[in-house]
Amino acid sequence: MAVELQVLYRADTALEPLSPYRSDDLEVLSSAQLRVVLGDPVRDRPFLVALGDVGDEPTVARLLWNGGRFQIPICDTLEPASREPVIVSPIELSPNGSSPSCQSVSIEVETRGGQTWRAAILVREFAPKMGCLTRALMDERGLVVASATVWYQVISPFNEDGRIKHAQAPTLLNQIRHGDAEKLPFLSRAKPGMCAPRLIGHRGYGAHNEMVLENTMLSFETYVNQPAESDVRCIELDVQLTKDLVPVIHHDYYVHDGMPVFSHTLEQVQSAFGRKTQAMQDLIVGLKLDRIPTLQTVCDSLPERTSLLVELKYPSWILSERETLPYPERNVYADAVLEVLFNSIRSANRKIFLLTFDPDLASVLRLKQSIYDVFLLNNSDHDDSDPRLDERVSTARKAVAFARANRLQGCVFRAEMVLNEPDLVTHAHELGLYVLTYGAINSDPGAVRSQQALCVDAVISDHVPSLVLQLNQPHSASSVSSISSSE
């Protein structure tokens, strides 16, 4: 039985603005997909490396899968991180990596002189779900003339096990995606950068707050119940996954004392957190305690008017290697979070955004569904000489290129990066991407005003209530328009 192939996204020319959503866009992924990129976008390795002088110029690459053929012009002007992936759908992989309908994927490279170089990848090699493969390309004489590198990722279907449990699921999904724009005003503008930046509560009422612990229900409720000029609020929160696959709200990868969140059950994590905060009570007078909440509790408890920016924490492979930090496979993680979001009745009238520093997790979230917008977080404070660095997020410009190539909705940068490189906002907006910022500097009204002048779309801050008051003082009216935590 032949496997039907479908290329959902492909681009081989200079970056152009994203086209708007169509009514027939993918809603929830129902069959497995194979995401393939020519070259290695993680380490910025090229697709082809010739072995010596081959006397010819490669012009076209083809991927062949059980008789299907897709032709991709080879464009040397695009870095791997900037290339849109080829999405092959559906694929059939059993747990041991075998396929009932196809045993290999062939790579063909056509040269200007009419030669064809070939290589093959066995289907079982895709079983690890993600990786980079390099294969020798042989010419028509059977001689090795070059090597070809491809990066791949298997995206498993989201709803294959009936994860969306509501009987009214189709109606609910349609309501989430195509709900009344007036009820979901946060970032619902026709174009990015159209008005003053939205203000978002960082981990609820703010990180490192001396009176209310961050990322707790108390922090979230304290923030949304603050008096303000509008009843529309938005909070950012951090999600981790426990050993029993329950999404919980916690920023660090460890609860305390070297205890990884993913190595322990929900009950263990919440119990350990309680002991830690009890000890802190002796040091901080008036500290209000709260358990680590689950994402389900947040979605079911907060009013529907509260928009959520859900950051999925995922360690870099450098951190995982250095600290031997256990973490779930990306498909498993994404499914656990999406299951909670889709099955919360209140999600139908709530605007929800998904954020992550991990480019591969961002791609998984985007390909599994098109209900919730996905943003790539970026932090370029690093040593550029580190050869292990992920090239897709090593600089702000590469993050923008990756977000555009993988059809994400925007990027989230440190505020200092935007202020030091003001053209970055214009560049992202021209490509149809939103720009959000975070960082300690976002508690400074002057820095927020400067970002407003640059048309930054939203600002994540630790002190939104006080910012609203300061930014709306009469003395600032001549230079900036009114800013609030609304819309």
Protein backbone atom coordinates (compact mmCIF):
# COMPACT_ATOMS: atom_id res chain seq x y z
CA MET A 1 0.00 0.00 0.00
CA ALA A 2 1.45 3.32 -1.05
CA VAL A 3 1.88 6.07 1.51
CA GLU A 4 0.23 9.30 0.41
CA LEU A 5 2.64 12.21 0.66
CA GLN A 6 1.82 15.83 1.23
CA VAL A 7 4.19 18.78 1.42
CA LEU A 8 2.52 21.29 3.71
CA TYR A 9 5.18 23.98 3.77
CA ARG A 10 8.22 24.60 1.62
CA ALA A 11 10.22 27.71 0.75
CA ASP A 12 13.50 28.05 -1.11
CA THR A 13 13.70 31.79 -1.80
CA ALA A 14 14.20 34.88 0.33
CA LEU A 15 11.99 35.30 3.37
CA GLU A 16 8.57 36.77 2.66
CA PRO A 17 5.66 37.74 4.94
CA LEU A 18 3.48 34.88 6.14
CA SER A 19 0.16 34.43 4.41
CA PRO A 20 -2.89 34.70 6.71
CA TYR A 21 -4.65 31.64 8.04
CA ARG A 22 -7.04 29.99 5.61
CA SER A 23 -10.30 28.40 6.65
CA ASP A 24 -8.97 25.00 5.64
CA ASP A 25 -5.79 25.24 7.70
CA LEU A 26 -4.82 22.27 9.84
CA GLU A 27 -6.64 22.33 13.22
CA VAL A 28 -5.51 19.18 15.06
CA LEU A 29 -2.94 16.75 13.64
CA SER A 30 -4.56 13.39 12.90
CA SER A 31 -1.67 11.47 11.29
CA ALA A 32 2.07 11.29 11.89
CA GLN A 33 4.31 13.67 9.96
CA LEU A 34 7.99 13.64 9.12
CA ARG A 35 9.64 17.06 9.23
CA VAL A 36 12.80 17.21 7.11
CA VAL A 37 15.26 20.10 6.73
CA LEU A 38 18.11 20.09 4.22
CA GLY A 39 21.23 20.54 6.32
CA ASP A 40 21.56 20.70 10.09
CA PRO A 41 19.76 23.78 11.50
CA VAL A 42 21.04 23.09 15.02
CA ARG A 43 24.73 23.43 14.16
CA ASP A 44 24.29 25.28 10.86
CA ARG A 45 25.83 22.50 8.76
CA PRO A 46 25.22 22.60 5.00
CA PHE A 47 23.12 20.07 3.13
CA LEU A 48 25.92 19.08 0.71
CA VAL A 49 29.65 18.77 1.19
CA ALA A 50 31.58 17.76 -1.92
CA LEU A 51 34.53 15.40 -1.52
CA GLY A 52 37.11 17.20 -3.59
CA ASP A 53 36.52 18.81 -6.97
CA VAL A 54 33.53 16.98 -8.50
CA GLY A 55 33.57 19.14 -11.63
CA ASP A 56 29.84 19.82 -11.52
CA GLU A 57 27.32 22.00 -9.68
CA PRO A 58 24.34 20.52 -7.79
CA THR A 59 21.11 22.34 -8.59
CA VAL A 60 18.14 20.29 -7.37
CA ALA A 61 17.54 17.92 -4.44
CA ARG A 62 14.73 15.36 -4.41
CA LEU A 63 13.22 13.31 -1.62
CA LEU A 64 11.62 10.05 -2.74
CA TRP A 65 9.29 8.10 -0.45
CA ASN A 66 7.62 4.96 -1.79
CA GLY A 67 7.23 6.37 -5.27
CA GLY A 68 6.42 9.93 -4.21
CA ARG A 69 8.83 12.58 -5.43
CA PHE A 70 9.34 16.12 -4.18
CA GLN A 71 11.76 18.48 -5.84
CA ILE A 72 13.56 21.16 -3.86
CA PRO A 73 15.81 23.74 -5.54
CA ILE A 74 19.13 23.97 -3.73
CA CYS A 75 19.51 27.54 -2.49
CA ASP A 76 22.94 28.27 -1.03
CA THR A 77 21.83 31.73 0.14
CA LEU A 78 19.66 30.30 2.92
CA GLU A 79 21.11 28.96 6.14
CA PRO A 80 19.52 25.70 7.39
CA ALA A 81 17.83 27.55 10.24
CA SER A 82 16.09 29.81 7.71
CA ARG A 83 14.73 27.03 5.50
CA GLU A 84 11.16 25.91 5.73
CA PRO A 85 10.94 22.18 6.41
CA VAL A 86 9.48 19.66 4.00
CA ILE A 87 6.57 17.99 5.76
CA VAL A 88 5.79 14.45 4.61
CA SER A 89 2.41 13.15 5.77
CA PRO A 90 1.29 10.61 6.75
CA ILE A 91 4.08 8.26 7.73
CA GLU A 92 3.75 4.87 9.40
CA LEU A 93 6.33 3.89 11.99
CA SER A 94 5.89 1.03 14.42
CA PRO A 95 7.51 1.26 17.88
CA ASN A 96 10.55 -0.69 16.65
CA GLY A 97 11.01 1.71 13.75
CA SER A 98 9.84 -0.55 10.92
CA SER A 99 7.29 0.56 8.35
CA PRO A 100 4.64 -1.67 6.73
CA SER A 101 4.56 0.38 3.55
CA CYS A 102 8.02 1.78 2.93
CA GLN A 103 11.51 0.73 3.91
CA SER A 104 13.65 3.73 2.93
CA VAL A 105 13.73 7.38 1.94
CA SER A 106 15.89 8.19 -1.06
CA ILE A 107 17.83 11.39 -1.62
CA GLU A 108 18.63 12.45 -5.17
CA VAL A 109 20.75 15.40 -6.20
CA GLU A 110 20.69 16.54 -9.81
CA THR A 111 23.64 18.49 -11.16
CA ARG A 112 23.86 21.12 -13.86
CA GLY A 113 25.71 18.66 -16.04
CA GLY A 114 22.86 16.14 -15.92
CA GLN A 115 24.32 13.75 -13.35
CA THR A 116 22.29 12.24 -10.50
CA TRP A 117 23.81 11.51 -7.11
CA ARG A 118 21.92 9.18 -4.77
CA ALA A 119 21.74 8.11 -1.12
CA ALA A 120 19.19 6.28 1.04
CA ILE A 121 17.98 6.45 4.64
CA LEU A 122 16.26 3.45 6.24
CA VAL A 123 12.88 4.20 7.79
CA ARG A 124 13.87 2.57 11.07
CA GLU A 125 16.49 5.29 11.48
CA PHE A 126 13.66 7.74 12.17
CA ALA A 127 12.57 5.80 15.28
CA PRO A 128 14.37 8.12 17.76
CA LYS A 129 11.80 10.80 16.70
CA MET A 130 14.46 13.44 16.07
CA GLY A 131 18.02 13.63 14.85
CA CYS A 132 20.53 14.48 12.16
CA LEU A 133 21.64 11.96 9.52
CA THR A 134 24.57 12.22 7.11
CA ARG A 135 24.84 9.87 4.15
CA ALA A 136 27.32 9.38 1.33
CA LEU A 137 26.08 10.42 -2.12
CA MET A 138 27.19 8.19 -4.97
CA ASP A 139 27.29 9.11 -8.62
CA GLU A 140 26.12 6.93 -11.50
CA ARG A 141 29.46 5.08 -11.49
CA GLY A 142 29.03 4.07 -7.85
CA LEU A 143 31.71 6.49 -6.61
CA VAL A 144 31.22 8.62 -3.49
CA VAL A 145 31.27 12.26 -4.59
CA ALA A 146 29.67 14.12 -1.67
CA SER A 147 27.89 13.78 1.66
CA ALA A 148 24.31 14.84 2.29
CA THR A 149 23.05 15.93 5.71
CA VAL A 150 19.37 16.12 6.64
CA TRP A 151 17.75 16.93 9.94
CA TYR A 152 14.46 15.22 10.76
CA GLN A 153 11.72 15.20 13.37
CA VAL A 154 8.75 12.84 13.66
CA ILE A 155 5.54 14.56 14.80
CA SER A 156 3.05 12.09 16.23
CA PRO A 157 -0.70 12.79 15.89
CA PHE A 158 -2.21 14.61 18.85
CA ASN A 159 -5.69 13.09 19.07
CA GLU A 160 -4.95 9.48 18.09
CA ASP A 161 -5.81 8.19 21.59
CA GLY A 162 -8.93 10.32 21.99
CA ARG A 163 -7.18 13.00 24.02
CA ILE A 164 -9.92 15.53 23.23
CA LYS A 165 -12.62 14.14 25.48
CA HIS A 166 -15.49 16.61 25.20
CA ALA A 167 -18.46 15.38 23.16
CA GLN A 168 -18.74 18.87 21.71
CA ALA A 169 -15.03 18.89 20.69
CA PRO A 170 -15.51 20.02 17.05
CA THR A 171 -17.72 22.91 18.15
CA LEU A 172 -15.32 23.76 20.98
CA LEU A 173 -12.29 23.79 18.68
CA ASN A 174 -14.06 25.98 16.18
CA GLN A 175 -15.04 28.37 18.96
CA ILE A 176 -11.48 28.51 20.26
CA ARG A 177 -9.95 29.26 16.88
CA HIS A 178 -12.65 31.43 15.37
CA GLY A 179 -14.16 33.01 18.47
CA ASP A 180 -15.49 36.54 18.67
CA ALA A 181 -12.48 38.83 18.28
CA GLU A 182 -14.04 41.38 20.62
CA LYS A 183 -14.01 38.79 23.40
CA LEU A 184 -10.41 37.81 22.64
CA PRO A 185 -8.70 41.15 22.03
CA PHE A 186 -5.18 40.25 23.13
CA LEU A 187 -2.93 40.31 20.04
CA SER A 188 -5.97 39.97 17.78
CA ARG A 189 -5.00 42.88 15.57
CA ALA A 190 -4.82 42.61 11.79
CA LYS A 191 -1.15 43.57 11.81
CA PRO A 192 1.61 43.47 14.45
CA GLY A 193 2.77 46.74 15.96
CA MET A 194 -0.47 48.68 15.50
CA CYS A 195 -0.79 50.21 18.96
CA ALA A 196 0.65 50.43 22.47
CA PRO A 197 2.23 47.24 23.86
CA ARG A 198 0.12 44.95 26.00
CA LEU A 199 1.37 44.37 29.54
CA ILE A 200 1.68 40.79 30.80
CA GLY A 201 2.14 39.69 34.40
CA HIS A 202 5.39 37.70 34.70
CA ARG A 203 4.64 34.43 36.54
CA GLY A 204 1.46 36.07 37.79
CA TYR A 205 1.96 38.96 40.20
CA GLY A 206 5.69 39.02 39.39
CA ALA A 207 8.82 36.93 39.84
CA HIS A 208 10.82 37.11 43.08
CA ASN A 209 7.97 38.84 44.90
CA GLU A 210 8.61 39.06 48.62
CA MET A 211 4.98 38.67 49.62
CA VAL A 212 3.47 36.28 47.08
CA LEU A 213 5.27 33.28 45.63
CA GLU A 214 5.54 33.31 41.85
CA ASN A 215 3.74 30.75 39.68
CA THR A 216 1.14 29.94 42.33
CA MET A 217 -2.64 30.32 42.30
CA LEU A 218 -2.26 33.02 44.94
CA SER A 219 0.05 34.94 42.61
CA PHE A 220 -2.30 34.57 39.65
CA GLU A 221 -5.41 35.52 41.59
CA THR A 222 -3.68 38.47 43.24
CA TYR A 223 -2.73 39.77 39.81
CA VAL A 224 -6.07 39.33 38.05
CA ASN A 225 -7.99 40.83 40.98
CA GLN A 226 -5.99 44.06 40.99
CA PRO A 227 -8.04 47.13 40.08
CA ALA A 228 -7.21 48.37 36.59
CA GLU A 229 -8.74 50.34 33.75
CA SER A 230 -9.81 47.18 31.95
CA ASP A 231 -11.00 43.73 33.00
CA VAL A 232 -8.86 42.02 30.33
CA ARG A 233 -5.70 40.59 31.88
CA CYS A 234 -2.86 38.39 30.69
CA ILE A 235 -0.37 36.36 32.72
CA GLU A 236 2.73 34.39 31.79
CA LEU A 237 3.38 31.10 33.56
CA ASP A 238 5.90 28.26 33.36
CA VAL A 239 4.99 24.61 32.82
CA GLN A 240 6.96 21.48 33.70
CA LEU A 241 5.92 17.84 33.42
CA THR A 242 5.93 15.41 36.36
CA LYS A 243 6.85 11.73 36.22
CA ASP A 244 3.17 10.80 35.97
CA LEU A 245 2.82 13.23 33.02
CA VAL A 246 0.90 15.96 34.84
CA PRO A 247 1.69 19.52 33.68
CA VAL A 248 2.49 21.66 36.73
CA ILE A 249 3.34 25.34 37.13
CA HIS A 250 6.98 25.71 38.15
CA HIS A 251 9.90 27.66 36.68
CA ASP A 252 13.01 25.70 37.68
CA TYR A 253 13.83 22.20 36.45
CA TYR A 254 14.35 21.19 40.09
CA VAL A 255 11.96 21.58 43.01
CA HIS A 256 14.87 21.93 45.43
CA ASP A 257 18.06 20.13 46.51
CA GLY A 258 18.67 18.47 43.15
CA MET A 259 15.16 17.03 42.85
CA PRO A 260 14.17 17.12 39.13
CA VAL A 261 10.48 17.78 38.54
CA PHE A 262 10.23 15.10 35.83
CA SER A 263 11.73 12.43 38.11
CA HIS A 264 8.90 12.68 40.64
CA THR A 265 5.13 12.31 40.72
CA LEU A 266 2.73 15.18 41.25
CA GLU A 267 2.20 14.20 44.88
CA GLN A 268 5.95 14.10 45.53
CA VAL A 269 6.57 17.44 43.83
CA GLN A 270 3.81 19.24 45.70
CA SER A 271 4.89 17.73 49.03
CA ALA A 272 8.52 18.73 48.53
CA PHE A 273 7.54 22.26 47.55
CA GLY A 274 5.47 22.57 50.71
CA ARG A 275 8.44 21.64 52.88
CA LYS A 276 10.62 24.18 51.11
CA THR A 277 8.22 27.06 51.50
CA GLN A 278 7.64 26.21 55.18
CA ALA A 279 11.37 26.65 55.78
CA MET A 280 11.28 29.97 53.88
CA GLN A 281 8.52 31.22 56.17
CA ASP A 282 11.03 31.60 58.99
CA LEU A 283 13.12 33.95 56.83
CA ILE A 284 10.51 36.11 55.13
CA VAL A 285 7.95 37.78 57.35
CA GLY A 286 4.44 37.71 55.95
CA LEU A 287 5.22 35.21 53.20
CA LYS A 288 2.03 33.69 51.84
CA LEU A 289 2.30 30.02 50.93
CA ASP A 290 0.74 28.06 48.09
CA ARG A 291 1.26 24.64 46.54
CA ILE A 292 2.64 24.07 43.08
CA PRO A 293 -0.59 24.19 41.04
CA THR A 294 -1.37 22.03 38.05
CA LEU A 295 -2.09 23.57 34.66
CA GLN A 296 -5.56 22.04 34.91
CA THR A 297 -6.23 23.96 38.13
CA VAL A 298 -5.13 27.23 36.53
CA CYS A 299 -7.30 26.73 33.44
CA ASP A 300 -10.35 25.74 35.49
CA SER A 301 -9.98 28.42 38.18
CA LEU A 302 -8.98 31.69 36.51
CA PRO A 303 -11.71 33.79 34.89
CA GLU A 304 -12.09 33.37 31.15
CA ARG A 305 -11.12 36.99 30.53
CA THR A 306 -7.58 36.14 31.71
CA SER A 307 -5.34 35.36 28.74
CA LEU A 308 -2.51 32.90 29.31
CA LEU A 309 1.03 32.80 27.95
CA VAL A 310 2.05 29.21 28.70
CA GLU A 311 5.80 28.70 28.57
CA LEU A 312 6.80 25.05 28.15
CA LYS A 313 10.16 24.69 29.86
CA TYR A 314 12.59 22.42 28.05
CA PRO A 315 16.29 22.14 28.86
CA SER A 316 18.87 22.70 26.16
CA TRP A 317 20.75 19.57 25.22
CA ILE A 318 23.88 21.21 26.65
CA LEU A 319 22.17 21.54 30.05
CA SER A 320 20.74 18.02 29.85
CA GLU A 321 24.18 16.65 29.09
CA ARG A 322 25.94 18.64 31.83
CA GLU A 323 23.47 17.86 34.60
CA THR A 324 22.10 14.51 33.34
CA LEU A 325 18.67 16.09 33.54
CA PRO A 326 15.83 13.69 32.62
CA TYR A 327 13.06 15.12 30.46
CA PRO A 328 10.21 13.74 28.36
CA GLU A 329 10.27 13.33 24.59
CA ARG A 330 8.82 16.43 22.95
CA ASN A 331 5.72 14.76 21.50
CA VAL A 332 4.83 13.35 24.93
CA TYR A 333 5.32 16.73 26.59
CA ALA A 334 3.31 18.64 23.99
CA ASP A 335 0.44 16.13 24.09
CA ALA A 336 0.17 16.34 27.89
CA VAL A 337 -0.08 20.14 27.82
CA LEU A 338 -2.41 20.33 24.81
CA GLU A 339 -4.71 17.73 26.38
CA VAL A 340 -5.24 19.97 29.40
CA LEU A 341 -5.81 23.08 27.30
CA PHE A 342 -8.24 21.45 24.89
CA ASN A 343 -10.25 19.74 27.63
CA SER A 344 -10.78 22.79 29.80
CA ILE A 345 -14.25 24.17 29.06
CA ARG A 346 -13.01 27.67 29.89
CA SER A 347 -10.44 27.48 27.07
CA ALA A 348 -13.23 28.14 24.58
CA ASN A 349 -13.44 31.78 25.71
CA ARG A 350 -9.80 32.28 26.67
CA LYS A 351 -6.91 33.45 24.53
CA ILE A 352 -3.92 31.15 25.03
CA PHE A 353 -0.40 31.42 23.62
CA LEU A 354 2.34 28.78 23.77
CA LEU A 355 5.97 29.79 24.35
CA THR A 356 9.22 27.85 24.52
CA PHE A 357 12.97 28.38 24.25
CA ASP A 358 13.27 25.03 22.45
CA PRO A 359 12.90 25.38 18.64
CA ASP A 360 12.04 21.70 18.13
CA LEU A 361 9.32 21.80 20.76
CA ALA A 362 7.96 24.96 19.12
CA SER A 363 7.76 23.08 15.80
CA VAL A 364 5.99 20.16 17.47
CA LEU A 365 3.42 22.50 19.04
CA ARG A 366 2.83 24.29 15.75
CA LEU A 367 2.46 21.15 13.63
CA LYS A 368 0.22 19.32 16.11
CA GLN A 369 -2.41 22.05 16.08
CA SER A 370 -3.24 25.50 14.74
CA ILE A 371 -5.66 26.53 17.49
CA TYR A 372 -3.15 28.23 19.80
CA ASP A 373 -0.43 30.57 18.53
CA VAL A 374 3.18 29.50 19.15
CA PHE A 375 6.08 31.84 19.97
CA LEU A 376 9.82 31.15 20.14
CA LEU A 377 11.66 32.56 23.15
CA ASN A 378 15.20 33.80 22.55
CA ASN A 379 18.13 34.61 24.78
CA SER A 380 21.36 35.45 22.99
CA ASP A 381 23.40 36.03 26.15
CA HIS A 382 25.96 33.33 25.47
CA ASP A 383 29.46 32.59 24.23
CA ASP A 384 29.28 32.67 20.42
CA SER A 385 32.41 30.51 20.25
CA ASP A 386 30.69 27.52 21.88
CA PRO A 387 30.47 24.93 19.06
CA ARG A 388 27.57 23.17 20.81
CA LEU A 389 25.34 26.22 20.47
CA ASP A 390 21.98 25.79 18.74
CA GLU A 391 22.32 27.99 15.66
CA ARG A 392 18.56 28.51 15.40
CA VAL A 393 18.46 30.62 18.53
CA SER A 394 22.04 31.86 18.77
CA THR A 395 21.05 35.32 17.53
CA ALA A 396 17.83 37.28 17.35
CA ARG A 397 17.91 37.34 13.55
CA LYS A 398 18.20 33.56 13.32
CA ALA A 399 15.34 33.17 15.76
CA VAL A 400 13.18 35.37 13.52
CA ALA A 401 14.22 33.35 10.47
CA PHE A 402 13.37 30.08 12.22
CA ALA A 403 10.01 31.38 13.45
CA ARG A 404 9.06 32.53 9.98
CA ALA A 405 10.29 29.34 8.28
CA ASN A 406 8.31 27.13 10.66
CA ARG A 407 5.19 29.31 10.61
CA LEU A 408 5.28 30.33 14.23
CA GLN A 409 3.39 33.47 15.18
CA GLY A 410 6.21 35.44 16.77
CA CYS A 411 9.32 35.72 18.94
CA VAL A 412 9.94 36.76 22.55
CA PHE A 413 13.25 38.56 23.18
CA ARG A 414 15.07 40.08 26.10
CA ALA A 415 14.07 43.73 26.17
CA GLU A 416 17.72 44.83 25.99
CA MET A 417 18.11 43.01 22.66
CA VAL A 418 15.24 44.95 21.13
CA LEU A 419 16.41 48.29 22.52
CA ASN A 420 19.96 47.68 21.28
CA GLU A 421 18.79 46.52 17.85
CA PRO A 422 15.66 48.57 17.06
CA ASP A 423 15.49 47.36 13.44
CA LEU A 424 14.73 43.88 14.78
CA VAL A 425 11.11 44.77 15.54
CA THR A 426 10.53 46.21 12.06
CA HIS A 427 12.18 43.17 10.47
CA ALA A 428 9.95 40.74 12.38
CA HIS A 429 6.80 42.74 11.67
CA GLU A 430 7.60 42.83 7.95
CA LEU A 431 7.63 39.03 8.03
CA GLY A 432 4.25 38.91 9.76
CA LEU A 433 5.60 38.03 13.22
CA TYR A 434 4.70 39.51 16.59
CA VAL A 435 7.45 40.72 18.96
CA LEU A 436 7.19 40.34 22.74
CA THR A 437 9.87 41.14 25.31
CA TYR A 438 10.82 40.06 28.83
CA GLY A 439 13.44 40.91 31.44
CA ALA A 440 14.01 42.96 34.59
CA ILE A 441 14.25 46.16 32.57
CA ASN A 442 10.55 45.84 31.75
CA SER A 443 9.76 47.14 35.22
CA ASP A 444 11.17 50.53 34.14
CA PRO A 445 8.49 52.83 32.66
CA GLY A 446 11.11 54.54 30.49
CA ALA A 447 12.15 51.24 28.93
CA VAL A 448 8.51 50.34 28.23
CA ARG A 449 7.92 53.75 26.62
CA SER A 450 10.96 53.20 24.42
CA GLN A 451 9.60 49.84 23.33
CA GLN A 452 6.26 51.44 22.57
CA ALA A 453 8.05 53.80 20.22
CA LEU A 454 9.53 50.75 18.49
CA CYS A 455 6.03 49.19 18.16
CA VAL A 456 6.79 46.20 20.39
CA ASP A 457 3.56 44.19 20.63
CA ALA A 458 3.64 43.06 24.27
CA VAL A 459 5.82 43.43 27.37
CA ILE A 460 6.17 40.81 30.11
CA SER A 461 6.78 42.58 33.41
CA ASP A 462 7.08 41.86 37.13
CA HIS A 463 5.24 45.06 38.11
CA VAL A 464 2.29 45.55 35.79
CA PRO A 465 -0.08 47.30 38.28
CA SER A 466 2.48 49.98 39.15
CA LEU A 467 3.54 50.28 35.50
CA VAL A 468 -0.04 51.01 34.46
CA LEU A 469 -0.22 53.87 36.96
CA GLN A 470 3.15 55.34 36.04
CA LEU A 471 2.71 55.06 32.28
CA ASN A 472 -0.68 56.75 32.40
CA GLN A 473 0.48 59.77 34.38
CA PRO A 474 -0.38 63.08 32.66
CA HIS A 475 3.26 64.00 32.15
CA SER A 476 3.70 61.11 29.71
CA ALA A 477 0.64 61.88 27.63
CA SER A 478 2.51 64.10 25.19
CA SER A 479 4.98 61.40 24.22
CA VAL A 480 3.05 58.16 24.44
CA SER A 481 -0.54 57.05 24.23
CA SER A 482 -2.30 55.45 27.15
CA ILE A 483 -0.96 52.05 28.12
CA SER A 484 -2.81 49.55 30.25
CA SER A 485 -2.92 45.83 30.92
CA SER A 486 -5.94 45.57 28.66
CA GLU A 487 -6.32 44.16 25.19
